[in-house]
């Protein structure tokens, strides 16, 4: 299992875009199955939009990844 540390909006955008491409899903296809707009997916993938947790959870189910919150000491 590959882990990816997300420390910025840009990191999240790159991770989501990379996962979508791994699965060979277009932005338009992801928009259709997630009930989000194509423009919304595009804005998330260029870090031009704050992603709500509910949207991130929805995308995690569709793209097959886990969200893990790890507390620092």
N, C-alpha and C. Protein backbone atom coordinates (compact mmCIF):
# COMPACT_ATOMS: atom_id res chain seq x y z
N UNK A 1 0.84 -1.18 0.00
CA UNK A 1 0.00 0.00 0.00
C UNK A 1 0.89 1.24 0.00
N UNK A 2 0.65 2.14 -0.94
CA UNK A 2 1.44 3.35 -1.07
C UNK A 2 0.85 4.46 -0.19
N UNK A 3 1.70 5.12 0.59
CA UNK A 3 1.26 6.23 1.43
C UNK A 3 1.73 7.53 0.80
N UNK A 4 0.93 8.55 0.94
CA UNK A 4 1.28 9.84 0.39
C UNK A 4 0.97 10.90 1.44
N UNK A 5 1.97 11.67 1.80
CA UNK A 5 1.81 12.73 2.78
C UNK A 5 1.30 13.98 2.08
N UNK A 6 0.18 14.49 2.54
CA UNK A 6 -0.44 15.69 1.96
C UNK A 6 -0.24 16.83 2.94
N UNK A 7 0.50 17.84 2.51
CA UNK A 7 0.76 18.99 3.37
C UNK A 7 0.23 20.30 2.79
N UNK A 8 -0.32 20.23 1.60
CA UNK A 8 -0.84 21.45 0.98
C UNK A 8 -1.95 21.11 0.01
N UNK A 9 -2.65 22.12 -0.41
CA UNK A 9 -3.71 21.96 -1.39
C UNK A 9 -3.13 21.42 -2.70
N UNK A 10 -1.93 21.89 -3.04
CA UNK A 10 -1.27 21.43 -4.27
C UNK A 10 -0.93 19.94 -4.18
N UNK A 11 -0.48 19.48 -3.00
CA UNK A 11 -0.20 18.05 -2.80
C UNK A 11 -1.46 17.22 -3.00
N UNK A 12 -2.56 17.69 -2.43
CA UNK A 12 -3.83 16.98 -2.56
C UNK A 12 -4.28 16.95 -4.02
N UNK A 13 -4.17 18.06 -4.70
CA UNK A 13 -4.56 18.15 -6.10
C UNK A 13 -3.78 17.15 -6.94
N UNK A 14 -2.47 17.11 -6.74
CA UNK A 14 -1.61 16.21 -7.50
C UNK A 14 -1.93 14.74 -7.20
N UNK A 15 -2.20 14.43 -5.94
CA UNK A 15 -2.53 13.06 -5.55
C UNK A 15 -3.84 12.61 -6.19
N UNK A 16 -4.84 13.46 -6.15
CA UNK A 16 -6.15 13.12 -6.73
C UNK A 16 -6.05 12.95 -8.24
N UNK A 17 -5.37 13.86 -8.88
CA UNK A 17 -5.18 13.79 -10.34
C UNK A 17 -4.42 12.53 -10.72
N UNK A 18 -3.36 12.24 -9.98
CA UNK A 18 -2.56 11.04 -10.25
C UNK A 18 -3.37 9.77 -10.11
N UNK A 19 -4.17 9.68 -9.05
CA UNK A 19 -5.00 8.49 -8.83
C UNK A 19 -6.04 8.34 -9.93
N UNK A 20 -6.66 9.45 -10.33
CA UNK A 20 -7.65 9.40 -11.40
C UNK A 20 -7.01 8.88 -12.68
N UNK A 21 -5.81 9.37 -12.98
CA UNK A 21 -5.12 8.94 -14.20
C UNK A 21 -4.69 7.48 -14.11
N UNK A 22 -4.27 7.02 -12.92
CA UNK A 22 -3.93 5.60 -12.72
C UNK A 22 -5.10 4.71 -13.11
N UNK A 23 -6.29 5.16 -12.76
CA UNK A 23 -7.51 4.40 -13.02
C UNK A 23 -8.05 4.62 -14.43
N UNK A 24 -7.36 5.48 -15.20
CA UNK A 24 -7.76 5.79 -16.58
C UNK A 24 -9.19 6.33 -16.67
N UNK A 25 -9.49 7.25 -15.77
CA UNK A 25 -10.79 7.91 -15.74
C UNK A 25 -10.57 9.37 -16.14
N UNK A 26 -11.38 9.87 -17.03
CA UNK A 26 -11.28 11.28 -17.42
C UNK A 26 -11.96 12.15 -16.36
N UNK A 27 -11.65 13.43 -16.39
CA UNK A 27 -12.31 14.37 -15.48
C UNK A 27 -13.82 14.34 -15.72
N UNK A 28 -14.20 14.28 -16.96
CA UNK A 28 -15.62 14.27 -17.31
C UNK A 28 -16.32 13.02 -16.76
N UNK A 29 -15.66 11.87 -16.86
CA UNK A 29 -16.23 10.63 -16.32
C UNK A 29 -16.34 10.70 -14.80
N UNK A 30 -15.28 11.22 -14.15
CA UNK A 30 -15.31 11.34 -12.70
C UNK A 30 -16.41 12.29 -12.26
N UNK A 31 -16.59 13.37 -12.99
CA UNK A 31 -17.66 14.31 -12.67
C UNK A 31 -19.02 13.63 -12.75
N UNK A 32 -19.22 12.82 -13.77
CA UNK A 32 -20.50 12.15 -13.95
C UNK A 32 -20.78 11.15 -12.82
N UNK A 33 -19.79 10.34 -12.44
CA UNK A 33 -20.04 9.32 -11.42
C UNK A 33 -20.05 9.89 -10.01
N UNK A 34 -19.45 11.08 -9.83
CA UNK A 34 -19.40 11.68 -8.49
C UNK A 34 -20.51 12.70 -8.27
N UNK A 35 -21.24 13.01 -9.33
CA UNK A 35 -22.28 14.03 -9.27
C UNK A 35 -21.71 15.40 -8.94
N UNK A 36 -20.47 15.64 -9.41
CA UNK A 36 -19.83 16.94 -9.30
C UNK A 36 -19.71 17.50 -10.71
N UNK A 37 -19.46 18.79 -10.82
CA UNK A 37 -19.30 19.37 -12.15
C UNK A 37 -17.91 19.09 -12.68
N UNK A 38 -17.80 19.06 -14.01
CA UNK A 38 -16.49 18.90 -14.65
C UNK A 38 -15.58 20.05 -14.23
N UNK A 39 -16.13 21.25 -14.19
CA UNK A 39 -15.37 22.42 -13.76
C UNK A 39 -14.89 22.26 -12.32
N UNK A 40 -15.74 21.69 -11.46
CA UNK A 40 -15.36 21.47 -10.07
C UNK A 40 -14.20 20.50 -9.94
N UNK A 41 -14.23 19.40 -10.70
CA UNK A 41 -13.13 18.43 -10.70
C UNK A 41 -11.86 19.11 -11.18
N UNK A 42 -11.97 19.87 -12.24
CA UNK A 42 -10.81 20.57 -12.79
C UNK A 42 -10.21 21.53 -11.78
N UNK A 43 -11.04 22.28 -11.09
CA UNK A 43 -10.55 23.25 -10.10
C UNK A 43 -9.87 22.55 -8.92
N UNK A 44 -10.39 21.40 -8.52
CA UNK A 44 -9.76 20.63 -7.44
C UNK A 44 -8.38 20.17 -7.89
N UNK A 45 -8.27 19.71 -9.13
CA UNK A 45 -7.01 19.14 -9.63
C UNK A 45 -5.93 20.18 -9.92
N UNK A 46 -6.29 21.44 -9.96
CA UNK A 46 -5.27 22.49 -10.11
C UNK A 46 -5.14 23.31 -8.83
N UNK A 47 -5.69 22.80 -7.75
CA UNK A 47 -5.61 23.44 -6.43
C UNK A 47 -6.20 24.84 -6.43
N UNK A 48 -7.27 25.01 -7.20
CA UNK A 48 -7.93 26.31 -7.30
C UNK A 48 -9.23 26.33 -6.49
N UNK A 49 -9.43 25.30 -5.68
CA UNK A 49 -10.68 25.19 -4.92
C UNK A 49 -10.41 24.46 -3.62
N UNK A 50 -10.95 24.96 -2.53
CA UNK A 50 -10.88 24.23 -1.27
C UNK A 50 -11.84 23.05 -1.36
N UNK A 51 -11.36 21.89 -1.00
CA UNK A 51 -12.17 20.68 -1.09
C UNK A 51 -12.85 20.44 0.25
N UNK A 52 -14.17 20.31 0.22
CA UNK A 52 -14.90 19.99 1.44
C UNK A 52 -14.62 18.54 1.80
N UNK A 53 -14.64 18.25 3.09
CA UNK A 53 -14.40 16.89 3.55
C UNK A 53 -15.39 15.92 2.92
N UNK A 54 -16.64 16.31 2.81
CA UNK A 54 -17.65 15.42 2.22
C UNK A 54 -17.30 15.08 0.77
N UNK A 55 -16.77 16.03 0.04
CA UNK A 55 -16.35 15.78 -1.35
C UNK A 55 -15.14 14.86 -1.37
N UNK A 56 -14.21 15.09 -0.48
CA UNK A 56 -13.01 14.25 -0.41
C UNK A 56 -13.38 12.81 -0.05
N UNK A 57 -14.32 12.64 0.87
CA UNK A 57 -14.78 11.29 1.23
C UNK A 57 -15.47 10.60 0.05
N UNK A 58 -16.26 11.35 -0.70
CA UNK A 58 -16.92 10.80 -1.88
C UNK A 58 -15.88 10.35 -2.90
N UNK A 59 -14.88 11.20 -3.15
CA UNK A 59 -13.84 10.87 -4.11
C UNK A 59 -13.01 9.68 -3.64
N UNK A 60 -12.81 9.57 -2.33
CA UNK A 60 -12.03 8.45 -1.81
C UNK A 60 -12.72 7.11 -2.12
N UNK A 61 -14.03 7.08 -2.04
CA UNK A 61 -14.77 5.86 -2.35
C UNK A 61 -14.69 5.54 -3.85
N UNK A 62 -14.85 6.56 -4.66
CA UNK A 62 -14.86 6.36 -6.11
C UNK A 62 -13.47 6.05 -6.67
N UNK A 63 -12.44 6.65 -6.10
CA UNK A 63 -11.08 6.46 -6.61
C UNK A 63 -10.30 5.41 -5.82
N UNK A 64 -10.89 4.89 -4.76
CA UNK A 64 -10.28 3.80 -4.02
C UNK A 64 -9.05 4.18 -3.21
N UNK A 65 -9.20 5.16 -2.34
CA UNK A 65 -8.11 5.49 -1.42
C UNK A 65 -8.68 5.75 -0.04
N UNK A 66 -7.80 5.68 0.96
CA UNK A 66 -8.20 5.92 2.35
C UNK A 66 -7.68 7.27 2.79
N UNK A 67 -8.40 7.88 3.69
CA UNK A 67 -7.97 9.13 4.32
C UNK A 67 -7.61 8.78 5.76
N UNK A 68 -6.36 9.04 6.13
CA UNK A 68 -5.89 8.73 7.47
C UNK A 68 -5.42 10.01 8.13
N UNK A 69 -5.92 10.28 9.30
CA UNK A 69 -5.52 11.44 10.08
C UNK A 69 -4.50 10.97 11.12
N UNK A 70 -3.32 11.52 11.07
CA UNK A 70 -2.27 11.12 11.99
C UNK A 70 -1.83 12.34 12.81
N UNK A 71 -1.94 12.21 14.12
CA UNK A 71 -1.57 13.30 15.01
C UNK A 71 -0.07 13.34 15.21
N UNK A 72 0.49 14.54 15.18
CA UNK A 72 1.91 14.72 15.43
C UNK A 72 2.14 14.93 16.93
N UNK A 73 3.31 14.56 17.39
CA UNK A 73 3.66 14.75 18.80
C UNK A 73 3.93 16.20 19.09
